[in-house]
């Protein structure tokens, strides 16, 4: 059980690390192109902050569900959800302005 908790926590914090790096380098220009560079970066980091702030609530809910349906099943489900979230954020369309200067209209 200790090993599975370690693996889950390591993957979760690696996910936060990747998202934070992408927030600093990519998301501000891709998703907030009309904003100033500072405002775009702050908005990108705000999305990261929401995930970090809501994390304790997720721990409470996951603890309750882990007791009811089993911790191993919940670990697998949470890893699948993290992978799905990563894939869905990669598939989000960016603004038309960031597509090589071409507009969509």
Protein backbone atom coordinates (compact mmCIF):
# COMPACT_ATOMS: atom_id res chain seq x y z
CA UNK A 1 0.00 0.00 0.00
CA UNK A 2 2.87 2.37 0.75
CA UNK A 3 4.35 1.81 -2.69
CA UNK A 4 1.04 2.53 -4.45
CA UNK A 5 0.59 5.73 -2.42
CA UNK A 6 4.12 6.78 -3.33
CA UNK A 7 3.55 6.09 -7.03
CA UNK A 8 0.23 7.97 -7.04
CA UNK A 9 1.69 11.00 -5.26
CA UNK A 10 4.75 11.04 -7.50
CA UNK A 11 2.64 10.97 -10.65
CA UNK A 12 0.31 13.64 -9.28
CA UNK A 13 3.13 16.05 -8.44
CA UNK A 14 4.83 15.32 -11.77
CA UNK A 15 1.52 16.24 -13.41
CA UNK A 16 1.48 19.54 -11.48
CA UNK A 17 5.12 20.14 -12.49
CA UNK A 18 4.36 19.60 -16.18
CA UNK A 19 1.27 21.79 -16.04
CA UNK A 20 3.19 24.53 -14.21
CA UNK A 21 5.97 24.45 -16.78
CA UNK A 22 3.47 24.58 -19.63
CA UNK A 23 1.65 27.44 -17.87
CA UNK A 24 4.85 29.46 -17.72
CA UNK A 25 6.05 28.74 -21.25
CA UNK A 26 3.09 27.95 -23.51
CA UNK A 27 -0.42 28.52 -22.15
CA UNK A 28 -0.24 32.31 -21.83
CA UNK A 29 0.36 32.79 -25.56
CA UNK A 30 -1.85 29.92 -26.71
CA UNK A 31 -4.97 30.53 -24.63
CA UNK A 32 -4.72 34.22 -23.71
CA UNK A 33 -3.22 35.93 -26.78
CA UNK A 34 -5.23 39.17 -26.45
CA UNK A 35 -3.92 39.74 -22.92
CA UNK A 36 -0.61 41.34 -22.14
CA UNK A 37 2.25 38.89 -21.54
CA UNK A 38 2.03 39.46 -17.78
CA UNK A 39 -1.76 39.08 -17.65
CA UNK A 40 -1.60 35.94 -19.80
CA UNK A 41 0.99 34.37 -17.52
CA UNK A 42 -1.01 35.30 -14.41
CA UNK A 43 -4.16 33.79 -15.94
CA UNK A 44 -2.22 30.63 -16.82
CA UNK A 45 -0.88 30.31 -13.30
CA UNK A 46 -4.36 30.98 -11.90
CA UNK A 47 -5.57 27.76 -13.52
CA UNK A 48 -2.70 25.93 -11.82
CA UNK A 49 -3.54 27.59 -8.50
CA UNK A 50 -7.14 26.39 -8.69
CA UNK A 51 -5.89 22.81 -8.97
CA UNK A 52 -3.57 23.20 -6.00
CA UNK A 53 -6.20 24.91 -3.82
CA UNK A 54 -8.89 22.32 -4.58
CA UNK A 55 -6.49 19.42 -3.91
CA UNK A 56 -7.46 19.00 -0.20
CA UNK A 57 -11.13 18.70 -1.15
CA UNK A 58 -10.17 15.98 -3.62
CA UNK A 59 -8.26 14.23 -0.83
CA UNK A 60 -11.33 14.22 1.39
CA UNK A 61 -13.54 12.86 -1.38
CA UNK A 62 -10.93 10.32 -2.50
CA UNK A 63 -10.40 9.16 1.10
CA UNK A 64 -14.11 8.55 1.49
CA UNK A 65 -14.37 6.72 -1.84
CA UNK A 66 -11.19 4.75 -1.12
CA UNK A 67 -12.77 3.42 2.06
CA UNK A 68 -15.94 2.47 0.21
CA UNK A 69 -14.71 0.97 -3.09
CA UNK A 70 -11.06 0.20 -2.32
CA UNK A 71 -7.89 2.19 -2.56
CA UNK A 72 -6.41 0.25 -5.46
CA UNK A 73 -9.50 0.78 -7.61
CA UNK A 74 -9.49 4.45 -6.72
CA UNK A 75 -5.78 4.77 -7.57
CA UNK A 76 -6.39 3.28 -11.01
CA UNK A 77 -9.39 5.56 -11.55
CA UNK A 78 -7.46 8.66 -10.49
CA UNK A 79 -4.54 7.80 -12.78
CA UNK A 80 -6.96 7.34 -15.66
CA UNK A 81 -8.62 10.67 -14.88
CA UNK A 82 -5.25 12.44 -14.79
CA UNK A 83 -4.33 10.93 -18.15
CA UNK A 84 -7.69 11.90 -19.61
CA UNK A 85 -7.28 15.46 -18.32
CA UNK A 86 -3.80 15.71 -19.80
CA UNK A 87 -5.03 14.42 -23.15
CA UNK A 88 -8.06 16.71 -23.18
CA UNK A 89 -5.94 19.78 -22.36
CA UNK A 90 -3.59 18.85 -25.21
CA UNK A 91 -6.55 18.62 -27.59
CA UNK A 92 -8.01 22.02 -26.66
CA UNK A 93 -7.96 24.37 -29.59
CA UNK A 94 -5.76 27.39 -29.14
CA UNK A 95 -6.65 30.85 -30.36
CA UNK A 96 -6.67 31.43 -34.11
CA UNK A 97 -3.99 34.13 -33.77
CA UNK A 98 -1.46 31.63 -32.45
CA UNK A 99 -1.80 29.38 -35.52
CA UNK A 100 1.02 30.92 -37.48
CA UNK A 101 -0.69 34.28 -37.90
CA UNK A 102 -3.61 32.87 -39.89
CA UNK A 103 -7.10 33.81 -38.86
CA UNK A 104 -10.00 31.41 -39.01
CA UNK A 105 -12.51 33.90 -40.38
